[in-house]
Each structure stands twice: as C-alpha cells, then as structure tokens.
Protein backbone atom coordinates (compact mmCIF):
# COMPACT_ATOMS: atom_id res chain seq x y z
CA MET A 1 0.00 0.00 0.00
CA HIS A 2 2.91 2.37 0.58
CA VAL A 3 3.82 2.13 -3.10
CA ILE A 4 0.27 3.08 -4.10
CA ARG A 5 0.37 6.04 -1.71
CA LEU A 6 3.66 7.13 -3.23
CA ILE A 7 2.20 6.89 -6.74
CA LEU A 8 -0.96 8.78 -5.75
CA SER A 9 1.14 11.52 -4.13
CA GLY A 10 2.40 12.45 -7.60
CA ALA A 11 6.03 11.70 -6.70
CA PHE A 12 6.65 9.91 -10.01
CA ASP A 13 5.14 12.78 -11.97
CA HIS A 14 7.44 15.19 -10.16
CA TYR A 15 10.46 12.83 -10.47
CA PRO A 16 9.77 10.71 -13.57
CA GLY A 17 13.16 8.97 -13.39
CA LEU A 18 12.57 7.75 -9.84
CA GLN A 19 12.81 3.95 -9.57
CA LEU A 20 11.74 1.76 -6.64
CA VAL A 21 12.54 -1.83 -5.78
CA ILE A 22 9.93 -3.83 -3.90
CA GLY A 23 10.18 -7.42 -2.80
CA HIS A 24 8.02 -10.50 -2.55
CA LEU A 25 6.95 -10.42 -6.21
CA GLY A 26 5.37 -7.01 -5.72
CA GLU A 27 3.46 -7.65 -2.48
CA THR A 28 0.33 -8.62 -4.54
CA LEU A 29 0.28 -5.29 -6.43
CA PRO A 30 0.82 -6.88 -9.87
CA PHE A 31 -2.04 -9.29 -9.19
CA MET A 32 -4.27 -6.33 -8.30
CA LEU A 33 -3.09 -4.15 -11.19
CA PRO A 34 -6.21 -4.46 -13.39
CA ARG A 35 -8.45 -3.66 -10.43
CA LEU A 36 -6.29 -0.70 -9.39
CA GLU A 37 -6.54 0.74 -12.89
CA ARG A 38 -10.34 0.42 -12.90
CA ALA A 39 -10.75 1.83 -9.38
CA LEU A 40 -8.23 4.67 -9.81
CA PRO A 41 -8.66 6.20 -13.28
CA THR A 42 -6.62 9.29 -14.15
CA GLU A 43 -9.80 11.38 -14.01
CA LEU A 44 -9.96 10.57 -10.31
CA THR A 45 -6.26 10.57 -9.43
CA ARG A 46 -5.26 13.59 -11.56
CA LEU A 47 -1.98 11.79 -12.31
CA ASP A 48 -0.20 12.12 -15.64
CA ARG A 49 -0.52 8.38 -16.32
CA PRO A 50 -2.64 5.43 -15.18
CA VAL A 51 -1.56 3.81 -11.89
CA GLY A 52 -0.48 0.70 -13.78
CA ALA A 53 1.98 2.70 -15.88
CA TYR A 54 3.91 3.66 -12.75
CA LEU A 55 3.93 0.05 -11.56
CA ARG A 56 5.27 -1.04 -14.97
CA GLU A 57 7.76 1.78 -15.54
CA ASN A 58 8.95 3.01 -12.13
CA VAL A 59 9.01 -0.14 -10.02
CA HIS A 60 11.30 -3.17 -10.08
CA TYR A 61 10.29 -6.39 -8.36
CA THR A 62 12.30 -9.08 -6.58
CA PHE A 63 11.53 -12.72 -5.82
CA SER A 64 12.51 -12.36 -2.15
CA GLY A 65 11.99 -16.01 -1.35
CA LEU A 66 8.53 -16.30 -2.90
CA ASN A 67 9.42 -19.24 -5.07
CA TRP A 68 5.95 -19.84 -6.43
CA THR A 69 5.68 -20.25 -10.20
CA PRO A 70 2.07 -19.00 -10.74
CA ALA A 71 2.80 -15.74 -8.89
CA PHE A 72 6.04 -15.26 -10.82
CA LEU A 73 4.27 -15.82 -14.15
CA ASP A 74 1.57 -13.28 -13.26
CA LEU A 75 4.27 -10.75 -12.43
CA LEU A 76 6.08 -11.53 -15.67
CA LEU A 77 2.90 -11.00 -17.70
CA GLN A 78 2.04 -7.77 -15.87
CA VAL A 79 5.41 -5.99 -15.88
CA GLY A 80 7.85 -7.88 -18.13
CA ALA A 81 11.11 -9.69 -17.43
CA ASP A 82 13.23 -6.54 -17.41
CA ARG A 83 11.45 -5.39 -14.23
CA ILE A 84 12.01 -8.62 -12.28
CA MET A 85 15.16 -9.19 -10.25
CA PHE A 86 16.38 -12.39 -8.69
CA SER A 87 16.78 -12.23 -4.94
CA THR A 88 16.42 -14.42 -1.87
CA ASP A 89 15.32 -14.00 1.70
CA TYR A 90 18.61 -15.33 3.02
CA PRO A 91 19.09 -16.22 5.85
CA TYR A 92 15.34 -16.83 6.23
CA ALA A 93 15.06 -18.88 3.03
CA SER A 94 17.35 -21.31 1.28
CA MET A 95 19.72 -19.96 -1.37
CA THR A 96 19.71 -23.39 -3.02
CA GLU A 97 15.91 -23.42 -3.27
CA ALA A 98 15.91 -19.91 -4.73
CA ARG A 99 18.45 -20.81 -7.42
CA THR A 100 16.63 -24.05 -8.20
CA PHE A 101 13.40 -22.08 -8.58
CA LEU A 102 15.08 -19.69 -11.00
CA ASP A 103 16.59 -22.53 -13.03
CA ARG A 104 13.25 -24.34 -13.31
CA LEU A 105 11.06 -21.40 -14.29
CA PRO A 106 9.00 -22.23 -17.38
CA VAL A 107 10.44 -19.27 -19.32
CA SER A 108 13.02 -19.02 -22.05
CA PRO A 109 16.68 -18.75 -21.12
CA LEU A 110 16.57 -15.19 -22.50
CA ARG A 111 13.79 -14.19 -20.09
CA ARG A 112 15.58 -15.88 -17.21
CA ASN A 113 18.78 -14.05 -18.13
CA GLU A 114 16.93 -10.71 -18.30
CA SER A 115 15.96 -11.16 -14.65
CA LEU A 116 19.57 -11.79 -13.68
CA THR A 117 20.80 -8.83 -15.75
CA ALA A 118 18.25 -6.53 -14.11
CA THR A 119 19.61 -7.61 -10.75
CA ARG A 120 23.06 -6.40 -11.70
CA SER A 121 22.25 -3.15 -13.47
CA GLY A 122 18.71 -2.55 -14.68
CA CYS A 123 17.23 -0.44 -11.94
CA CYS A 124 20.34 1.31 -10.74
CA ASP A 125 21.87 2.75 -13.91
CA SER A 126 22.96 6.33 -13.44
CA ASP A 127 21.04 7.42 -16.53
CA ARG A 128 17.81 6.40 -14.79
CA ALA A 129 18.40 8.55 -11.73
CA PRO A 130 15.72 11.09 -10.84
CA ALA A 131 15.92 14.40 -12.68
C-alpha cells in the first residue's frame, strides 16, 4: 500500500526517473493491477498516467523467497522480465531453493537471463536517476 500512496502523491510525476525496488513479487500489487486501474482512473487521481503505468515503468520487483511459479508468471505477464530481479530472503530462506526455482522457471533462457541482468544493473543505472 505504501507504493500506491507514493504513486498517488504524484512523486513519479514530479520525479519521472525515480525507480523503486519492492520485494516478494510485488506484495500482490501486480495481481491487483487491473483492479487498481479500474478503481483509480486518471480522471480521479489527476496523475499524468494510469496507476499501472507507474507500476510497470517506475518499479522493479524481486523474488525475495517467494518461489511460487504461478505468482512469478503473473508478475512476468504484468510488468515484463526486465522489471524482475532475482533475490532471496537469506538467511530466512534457502539460497539453493531460490536458485533451483530460477533454473526451473518455465520461461526461455533469454527471459531468465533478463531477470539476472536486471539484478546487476537494470534499476540502478545512473542514466535512470531522478531528474
């Protein structure tokens, strides 16, 4: 909910280059994205873009130990592979299980590699820093 409050505050309109990283496959936000867009149209929010645009363009998502394939696939369909970063909840979750989950995802090697590349550089490039 804090991410939604941040979006509704207009922070991303004021700082369009601002990027956030949230864990646990988006804390259910990607699953709720269609409903959020229906409930919070731009006519109501007065934002420059629909709520979903901010969740797709200003937020990066990590696994954070939620090694559940259906939730990952929903996130992938909602935001794309370049927004998903591999992570674990170590020491609370097994590193081996997290890596096994990544290796067994029913996605192409290219998509899997995009997630790993985003972890290293995608959200933190200096050219994406807030204006």
